[in-house]
Amino acid sequence: MSQPELTLVLIGFGNVARRLLRLLEESADRLDFTWQVVAISTKHHGSVIDMAGIDVTRAISTVEGRQSLDRLDPTPHERSGIDVIRQVAEAAADEAAEGRLVCLETTVLDIDRGEPAVSHVRAALEGQAHVVTANKGPVAFAYHELEALAESVDRIFFFEGAVMDGVPVFNLVRETMPAITIDGFRGVINSTCNFILSELERGQEFDMALAEMQARGIAEADPTLDLDGWDAAAKTAALVNVLMGSAMTPHHVARTGIREVTGLDVRDAIARNRRIRLVASATRHGGKVRAVVEPEELDHHDPLANLVGLENALYLHTDLLGEVGIVQRTGSLTQTAYALLSDLARISQRLRDF
């Protein structure tokens, strides 16, 4: 069987999307599919549509040189991400009908309503495209609606990169744990906060630790979502919606960030053989799910207490398997980009199976 060629539309072209394209090229000999990018839409660097295929190396250098993608477009004009999706869906109707059109949504999380990412996903599915996203917004704000829409048009909505980068969390449960009920979970799922708390233990200043995360491209220039617990709350809502079958947004998660945690606090905890970590958790009681994100002082025997630096972990409480743990020892752009690549590979496998 010949390799399927995926036709890609990129909505968002930040660090993760650009690393994905490089990773696809680096991993070409390992993949069972080929690919071609026909559209890229950005918030600050314009957009380009070329159904003959975009020179991705030139597109990357254009954006990294702080120039507009409009200069690469045969017929440039202003358009939104939704405009780009709809234009490509119409122009690539054959690819869409064959299940080879994929929209990659990697815009920045909007913590108010998850927009415009939710609308991007909806428009792509309506245009018969599969959707892969690393954005937590669509899963945290509209998972059940979007999953139902995907099923109704026989398309895939994947989002493995939304939590713990490329480590399989959603796929682990959905693909390998049939007949299991997830009754709750707890974990450390924000790398920036865990790194800062670890550095405070070593005597580093809060602002210096944060600056290092920003320099690595892990924390945003505006770190509010990380420090105030919103990023972890969005991930928590996504986990609750997908793994526990509830309907929750980040605004339903009881949330406290780490801004008020000081070096004295964490070093005092260390002196008492304990550690402070930002813990995300959810529990089910009487059919209702309660979710919390807050700094917790943990006993040194708690596996979450031993996570340092960029390490993350999630422990699922199941009815049949007891507690199942997933640990990520490091995190980077490559791991997040790999999550997108792995979802693309699963779409390719579906095309090969059918």
Protein backbone atom coordinates (compact mmCIF):
# COMPACT_ATOMS: atom_id res chain seq x y z
CA MET A 1 0.00 0.00 0.00
CA SER A 2 1.38 3.42 -0.95
CA GLN A 3 1.97 6.03 1.69
CA PRO A 4 -0.90 8.53 2.08
CA GLU A 5 -0.01 12.19 1.57
CA LEU A 6 -1.52 14.48 4.19
CA THR A 7 -2.48 17.99 3.13
CA LEU A 8 -1.77 20.28 6.09
CA VAL A 9 -3.28 23.61 7.14
CA LEU A 10 -1.40 25.32 9.99
CA ILE A 11 -3.40 27.73 12.12
CA GLY A 12 -0.78 29.27 14.37
CA PHE A 13 2.91 29.26 13.46
CA GLY A 14 4.74 29.74 16.71
CA ASN A 15 7.60 27.75 18.22
CA VAL A 16 5.67 24.48 18.42
CA ALA A 17 4.35 24.53 14.84
CA ARG A 18 7.75 25.43 13.42
CA ARG A 19 9.43 22.69 15.45
CA LEU A 20 6.83 20.23 14.14
CA LEU A 21 7.74 20.99 10.53
CA ARG A 22 11.41 20.51 11.27
CA LEU A 23 10.63 17.29 13.16
CA LEU A 24 8.59 15.96 10.24
CA GLU A 25 11.55 16.52 7.96
CA GLU A 26 14.01 14.99 10.45
CA SER A 27 11.78 11.93 10.91
CA ALA A 28 10.83 11.38 7.27
CA ASP A 29 12.39 7.92 7.08
CA ARG A 30 10.41 6.78 10.16
CA LEU A 31 6.98 7.92 8.96
CA ASP A 32 4.38 5.97 7.02
CA PHE A 33 3.02 9.11 5.37
CA THR A 34 4.17 12.08 3.33
CA TRP A 35 2.89 15.61 3.77
CA GLN A 36 2.49 18.98 2.14
CA VAL A 37 1.63 22.31 3.74
CA VAL A 38 -0.83 24.35 1.68
CA ALA A 39 -1.74 27.11 4.16
CA ILE A 40 -0.35 28.91 7.20
CA SER A 41 -2.22 31.49 9.25
CA THR A 42 -0.69 33.58 12.04
CA LYS A 43 -1.90 36.30 14.37
CA HIS A 44 0.99 38.71 13.82
CA HIS A 45 2.77 37.58 10.63
CA GLY A 46 0.00 37.37 8.05
CA SER A 47 -0.98 34.26 6.15
CA VAL A 48 -0.20 32.32 3.00
CA ILE A 49 -2.22 29.88 0.90
CA ASP A 50 -0.64 28.00 -1.97
CA MET A 51 -2.41 24.83 -3.09
CA ALA A 52 0.70 23.80 -5.01
CA GLY A 53 2.57 23.57 -1.71
CA ILE A 54 4.38 26.07 0.49
CA ASP A 55 8.17 26.12 0.82
CA VAL A 56 8.19 25.53 4.59
CA THR A 57 11.87 26.39 4.99
CA ARG A 58 11.22 29.79 3.48
CA ALA A 59 8.08 30.23 5.57
CA ILE A 60 9.99 29.47 8.77
CA SER A 61 12.80 31.87 7.92
CA THR A 62 10.26 34.56 6.98
CA VAL A 63 8.49 34.40 10.34
CA GLU A 64 11.70 34.03 12.35
CA GLY A 65 12.99 37.09 10.48
CA ARG A 66 9.88 38.95 11.70
CA GLN A 67 8.51 39.39 8.19
CA SER A 68 5.00 38.77 6.92
CA LEU A 69 3.95 35.56 5.22
CA ASP A 70 1.83 37.69 2.89
CA ARG A 71 4.93 38.16 0.73
CA LEU A 72 4.90 34.41 -0.04
CA ASP A 73 1.26 34.32 -1.11
CA PRO A 74 0.44 34.40 -4.85
CA THR A 75 -2.62 36.55 -4.05
CA PRO A 76 -2.05 38.05 -0.59
CA HIS A 77 -4.84 39.69 1.40
CA GLU A 78 -5.98 39.97 5.00
CA ARG A 79 -7.97 37.00 6.32
CA SER A 80 -8.68 35.30 9.61
CA GLY A 81 -7.77 31.77 10.54
CA ILE A 82 -11.36 30.71 9.85
CA ASP A 83 -11.17 32.36 6.41
CA VAL A 84 -8.03 30.35 5.66
CA ILE A 85 -9.61 27.08 6.81
CA ARG A 86 -12.74 27.61 4.72
CA GLN A 87 -10.83 28.70 1.64
CA VAL A 88 -8.58 25.64 1.76
CA ALA A 89 -11.48 23.27 2.52
CA GLU A 90 -13.18 24.48 -0.65
CA ALA A 91 -10.02 24.34 -2.77
CA ALA A 92 -8.99 20.94 -1.37
CA ALA A 93 -12.44 19.33 -1.51
CA ASP A 94 -11.04 16.13 -3.03
CA GLU A 95 -8.37 15.76 -0.35
CA ALA A 96 -10.99 16.47 2.31
CA ALA A 97 -13.36 13.85 0.90
CA GLU A 98 -10.53 11.30 0.93
CA GLY A 99 -9.72 12.11 4.57
CA ARG A 100 -6.28 13.54 3.78
CA LEU A 101 -6.91 17.16 4.81
CA VAL A 102 -5.67 17.97 8.33
CA CYS A 103 -5.86 21.23 10.27
CA LEU A 104 -3.13 21.75 12.88
CA GLU A 105 -4.31 24.28 15.47
CA THR A 106 -1.54 25.68 17.69
CA THR A 107 -2.72 29.17 18.59
CA VAL A 108 -2.24 30.55 22.10
CA LEU A 109 -4.69 29.54 24.83
CA ASP A 110 -7.50 32.02 25.51
CA ILE A 111 -8.57 31.41 29.09
CA ASP A 112 -11.88 33.28 28.82
CA ARG A 113 -13.71 31.17 26.22
CA GLY A 114 -11.08 29.19 24.33
CA GLU A 115 -11.55 31.35 21.24
CA PRO A 116 -10.74 31.60 18.41
CA ALA A 117 -9.34 28.05 18.73
CA VAL A 118 -12.77 26.49 19.33
CA SER A 119 -14.10 28.17 16.20
CA HIS A 120 -11.03 27.07 14.22
CA VAL A 121 -11.64 23.44 15.18
CA ARG A 122 -15.35 23.69 14.42
CA ALA A 123 -14.74 25.25 11.00
CA ALA A 124 -12.14 22.63 10.10
CA LEU A 125 -14.41 19.73 11.03
CA GLU A 126 -17.28 21.30 9.12
CA GLY A 127 -14.92 21.46 6.13
CA GLN A 128 -14.32 17.68 6.40
CA ALA A 129 -10.77 18.10 7.77
CA HIS A 130 -9.29 16.10 10.60
CA VAL A 131 -8.05 18.30 13.45
CA VAL A 132 -4.91 17.99 15.57
CA THR A 133 -4.29 20.59 18.26
CA ALA A 134 -1.88 21.32 21.09
CA ASN A 135 -4.21 24.07 22.30
CA LYS A 136 -5.96 23.24 25.56
CA GLY A 137 -8.85 25.62 24.85
CA PRO A 138 -11.00 23.46 22.54
CA VAL A 139 -10.81 20.47 24.89
CA ALA A 140 -11.24 22.54 28.05
CA PHE A 141 -14.19 24.59 26.78
CA ALA A 142 -15.97 22.59 24.08
CA TYR A 143 -14.78 18.99 24.07
CA HIS A 144 -18.16 17.25 23.99
CA GLU A 145 -19.55 19.50 21.25
CA LEU A 146 -16.46 19.14 19.06
CA GLU A 147 -16.12 15.39 19.60
CA ALA A 148 -19.78 14.93 18.63
CA LEU A 149 -19.23 17.06 15.52
CA ALA A 150 -16.14 15.01 14.59
CA GLU A 151 -18.10 11.79 14.90
CA SER A 152 -20.99 13.17 12.84
CA VAL A 153 -18.69 13.95 9.89
CA ASP A 154 -16.48 10.86 10.40
CA ARG A 155 -13.36 12.88 11.11
CA ILE A 156 -10.76 12.78 13.88
CA PHE A 157 -10.29 15.36 16.63
CA PHE A 158 -6.96 14.67 18.39
CA PHE A 159 -5.25 16.72 21.11
CA GLU A 160 -2.53 14.63 22.74
CA GLY A 161 -0.27 17.70 23.05
CA ALA A 162 -2.75 19.53 25.29
CA VAL A 163 -1.43 17.85 28.48
CA MET A 164 2.10 16.63 29.25
CA ASP A 165 3.45 17.29 25.75
CA GLY A 166 4.07 14.09 23.78
CA VAL A 167 3.62 11.65 26.67
CA PRO A 168 0.48 9.62 25.87
CA VAL A 169 -2.20 10.46 28.39
CA PHE A 170 -5.46 10.62 26.45
CA ASN A 171 -4.37 7.92 24.00
CA LEU A 172 -3.24 5.65 26.83
CA VAL A 173 -6.71 5.62 28.34
CA ARG A 174 -8.76 5.68 25.16
CA GLU A 175 -6.70 3.12 23.23
CA THR A 176 -5.34 0.73 25.87
CA MET A 177 -7.69 0.83 28.89
CA PRO A 178 -11.10 -0.47 27.73
CA ALA A 179 -13.83 -0.91 30.35
CA ILE A 180 -11.91 1.23 32.85
CA THR A 181 -13.57 4.05 34.80
CA ILE A 182 -11.38 6.97 35.87
CA ASP A 183 -12.61 8.06 39.29
CA GLY A 184 -10.07 10.85 39.73
CA PHE A 185 -6.49 11.97 39.25
CA ARG A 186 -3.75 14.09 40.74
CA GLY A 187 -0.60 15.38 39.20
CA VAL A 188 2.00 18.05 38.59
CA ILE A 189 1.24 19.22 35.06
CA ASN A 190 2.75 22.69 34.68
CA SER A 191 6.48 22.65 33.90
CA THR A 192 7.08 26.36 34.48
CA CYS A 193 5.70 26.29 38.02
CA ASN A 194 7.51 23.09 38.91
CA PHE A 195 10.80 24.51 37.64
CA ILE A 196 10.35 27.73 39.62
CA LEU A 197 9.52 25.88 42.85
CA SER A 198 12.54 23.62 42.34
CA GLU A 199 14.81 26.62 41.77
CA LEU A 200 13.46 28.38 44.87
CA GLU A 201 14.51 25.31 46.86
CA ARG A 202 18.07 25.82 45.54
CA GLY A 203 18.10 29.48 46.59
CA GLN A 204 17.38 30.97 43.17
CA GLU A 205 15.22 34.10 42.92
CA PHE A 206 11.65 33.71 41.61
CA ASP A 207 12.13 36.22 38.79
CA MET A 208 15.40 34.65 37.65
CA ALA A 209 13.85 31.17 37.46
CA LEU A 210 10.90 32.55 35.49
CA ALA A 211 13.23 34.38 33.11
CA GLU A 212 15.04 31.12 32.36
CA MET A 213 11.74 29.44 31.44
CA GLN A 214 10.91 32.35 29.15
CA ALA A 215 14.35 32.19 27.54
CA ARG A 216 13.82 28.48 26.79
CA GLY A 217 10.49 29.24 25.13
CA ILE A 218 8.56 27.18 27.71
CA ALA A 219 6.95 30.12 29.53
CA GLU A 220 5.24 32.87 27.55
CA ALA A 221 6.41 36.49 27.62
CA ASP A 222 3.26 37.07 29.72
CA PRO A 223 3.52 34.26 32.30
CA THR A 224 0.15 34.98 33.93
CA LEU A 225 -1.51 31.74 32.82
CA ASP A 226 1.29 29.67 34.34
CA LEU A 227 1.86 31.57 37.58
CA ASP A 228 -1.82 32.07 38.41
CA GLY A 229 -2.67 28.43 37.80
CA TRP A 230 -4.80 28.98 34.68
CA ASP A 231 -2.70 26.72 32.47
CA ALA A 232 -2.99 23.89 34.98
CA ALA A 233 -6.71 24.60 35.38
CA ALA A 234 -7.24 24.34 31.62
CA LYS A 235 -5.35 21.04 31.54
CA THR A 236 -7.39 19.82 34.51
CA ALA A 237 -10.66 20.69 32.76
CA ALA A 238 -9.46 18.89 29.63
CA LEU A 239 -8.61 15.77 31.63
CA VAL A 240 -11.94 15.83 33.44
CA ASN A 241 -13.90 16.26 30.20
CA VAL A 242 -12.13 13.50 28.28
CA LEU A 243 -11.20 10.94 30.93
CA MET A 244 -14.02 11.36 33.44
CA GLY A 245 -16.90 12.17 31.07
CA SER A 246 -17.86 15.35 32.90
CA ALA A 247 -18.43 18.81 31.42
CA MET A 248 -16.17 21.44 32.93
CA THR A 249 -14.29 24.59 31.93
CA PRO A 250 -11.21 26.06 33.62
CA HIS A 251 -13.53 28.46 35.44
CA HIS A 252 -15.08 25.52 37.32
CA VAL A 253 -11.67 24.52 38.74
CA ALA A 254 -10.86 25.86 42.21
CA ARG A 255 -7.56 27.60 41.49
CA THR A 256 -4.61 29.07 43.38
CA GLY A 257 -1.30 29.82 41.66
CA ILE A 258 2.25 30.09 43.01
CA ARG A 259 2.75 33.87 43.08
CA GLU A 260 2.50 33.96 46.87
CA VAL A 261 4.92 31.06 47.41
CA THR A 262 8.33 32.33 48.55
CA GLY A 263 11.79 30.88 48.80
CA LEU A 264 11.40 30.85 52.57
CA ASP A 265 8.23 28.77 52.23
CA VAL A 266 9.78 26.06 50.07
CA ARG A 267 13.03 25.90 52.04
CA ASP A 268 11.14 25.66 55.32
CA ALA A 269 9.20 22.73 53.85
CA ILE A 270 12.46 21.07 52.77
CA ALA A 271 13.80 21.45 56.32
CA ARG A 272 10.78 19.47 57.53
CA ASN A 273 11.34 16.76 54.91
CA ARG A 274 8.44 18.02 52.81
CA ARG A 275 8.05 19.81 49.47
CA ILE A 276 5.65 22.33 47.96
CA ARG A 277 4.32 21.52 44.50
CA LEU A 278 1.48 22.91 42.37
CA VAL A 279 -0.92 19.96 42.31
CA ALA A 280 -3.87 19.50 39.95
CA SER A 281 -6.50 17.02 41.08
CA ALA A 282 -10.04 15.85 40.44
CA THR A 283 -12.32 13.55 42.40
CA ARG A 284 -15.79 12.13 41.77
CA HIS A 285 -18.32 12.08 44.60
CA GLY A 286 -21.94 11.10 44.12
CA GLY A 287 -21.81 11.66 40.39
CA LYS A 288 -20.24 15.11 40.71
CA VAL A 289 -16.64 15.96 39.91
CA ARG A 290 -14.63 18.49 41.90
CA ALA A 291 -11.36 19.80 40.49
CA VAL A 292 -8.64 21.80 42.26
CA VAL A 293 -5.32 23.41 41.34
CA GLU A 294 -3.28 24.67 44.28
CA PRO A 295 0.16 24.58 45.90
CA GLU A 296 0.31 21.63 48.29
CA GLU A 297 2.87 20.77 50.93
CA LEU A 298 3.63 17.11 50.26
CA ASP A 299 5.25 14.42 52.35
CA HIS A 300 8.60 13.35 50.93
CA HIS A 301 7.19 9.86 50.26
CA ASP A 302 4.58 11.30 47.88
CA PRO A 303 5.78 10.60 44.30
CA LEU A 304 4.70 14.10 43.27
CA ALA A 305 7.08 15.59 45.85
CA ASN A 306 10.06 14.08 44.06
CA LEU A 307 9.39 15.81 40.75
CA VAL A 308 11.99 18.49 40.10
CA GLY A 309 12.72 20.93 37.32
CA LEU A 310 10.70 20.20 34.19
CA GLU A 311 9.41 16.85 35.41
CA ASN A 312 5.66 16.25 35.33
CA ALA A 313 3.53 13.31 36.44
CA LEU A 314 -0.11 12.29 36.42
CA TYR A 315 -1.60 9.54 38.58
CA LEU A 316 -4.97 8.17 37.49
CA HIS A 317 -7.31 6.60 40.04
CA THR A 318 -9.11 3.76 38.27
CA ASP A 319 -11.79 1.30 39.36
CA LEU A 320 -10.11 -1.86 38.03
CA LEU A 321 -6.38 -1.13 37.86
CA GLY A 322 -6.02 0.96 40.99
CA GLU A 323 -3.55 3.83 40.62
CA VAL A 324 -1.74 4.18 37.28
CA GLY A 325 1.10 6.67 36.98
CA ILE A 326 2.54 8.47 33.97
CA VAL A 327 5.83 10.33 34.46
CA GLN A 328 7.55 12.80 32.12
CA ARG A 329 11.17 13.37 33.06
CA THR A 330 11.77 16.32 30.76
CA GLY A 331 9.87 18.70 28.55
CA SER A 332 10.75 20.77 25.51
CA LEU A 333 9.44 22.03 22.20
CA THR A 334 10.42 18.72 20.66
CA GLN A 335 8.18 16.77 23.04
CA THR A 336 5.22 19.06 22.31
CA ALA A 337 5.84 18.89 18.58
CA TYR A 338 6.08 15.12 18.82
CA ALA A 339 2.55 15.02 20.24
CA LEU A 340 1.31 16.62 17.00
CA LEU A 341 3.43 14.24 14.93
CA SER A 342 2.07 11.20 16.78
CA ASP A 343 -1.51 12.35 16.17
CA LEU A 344 -0.74 12.80 12.47
CA ALA A 345 0.70 9.27 12.41
CA ARG A 346 -2.51 7.90 13.91
CA ILE A 347 -4.54 9.67 11.22
CA SER A 348 -2.27 8.14 8.61
CA GLN A 349 -2.80 4.70 10.15
CA ARG A 350 -6.55 5.18 9.95
CA LEU A 351 -6.24 6.02 6.24
CA ARG A 352 -4.15 2.89 5.69
CA ASP A 353 -6.61 0.71 7.61
CA PHE A 354 -9.56 1.88 5.58
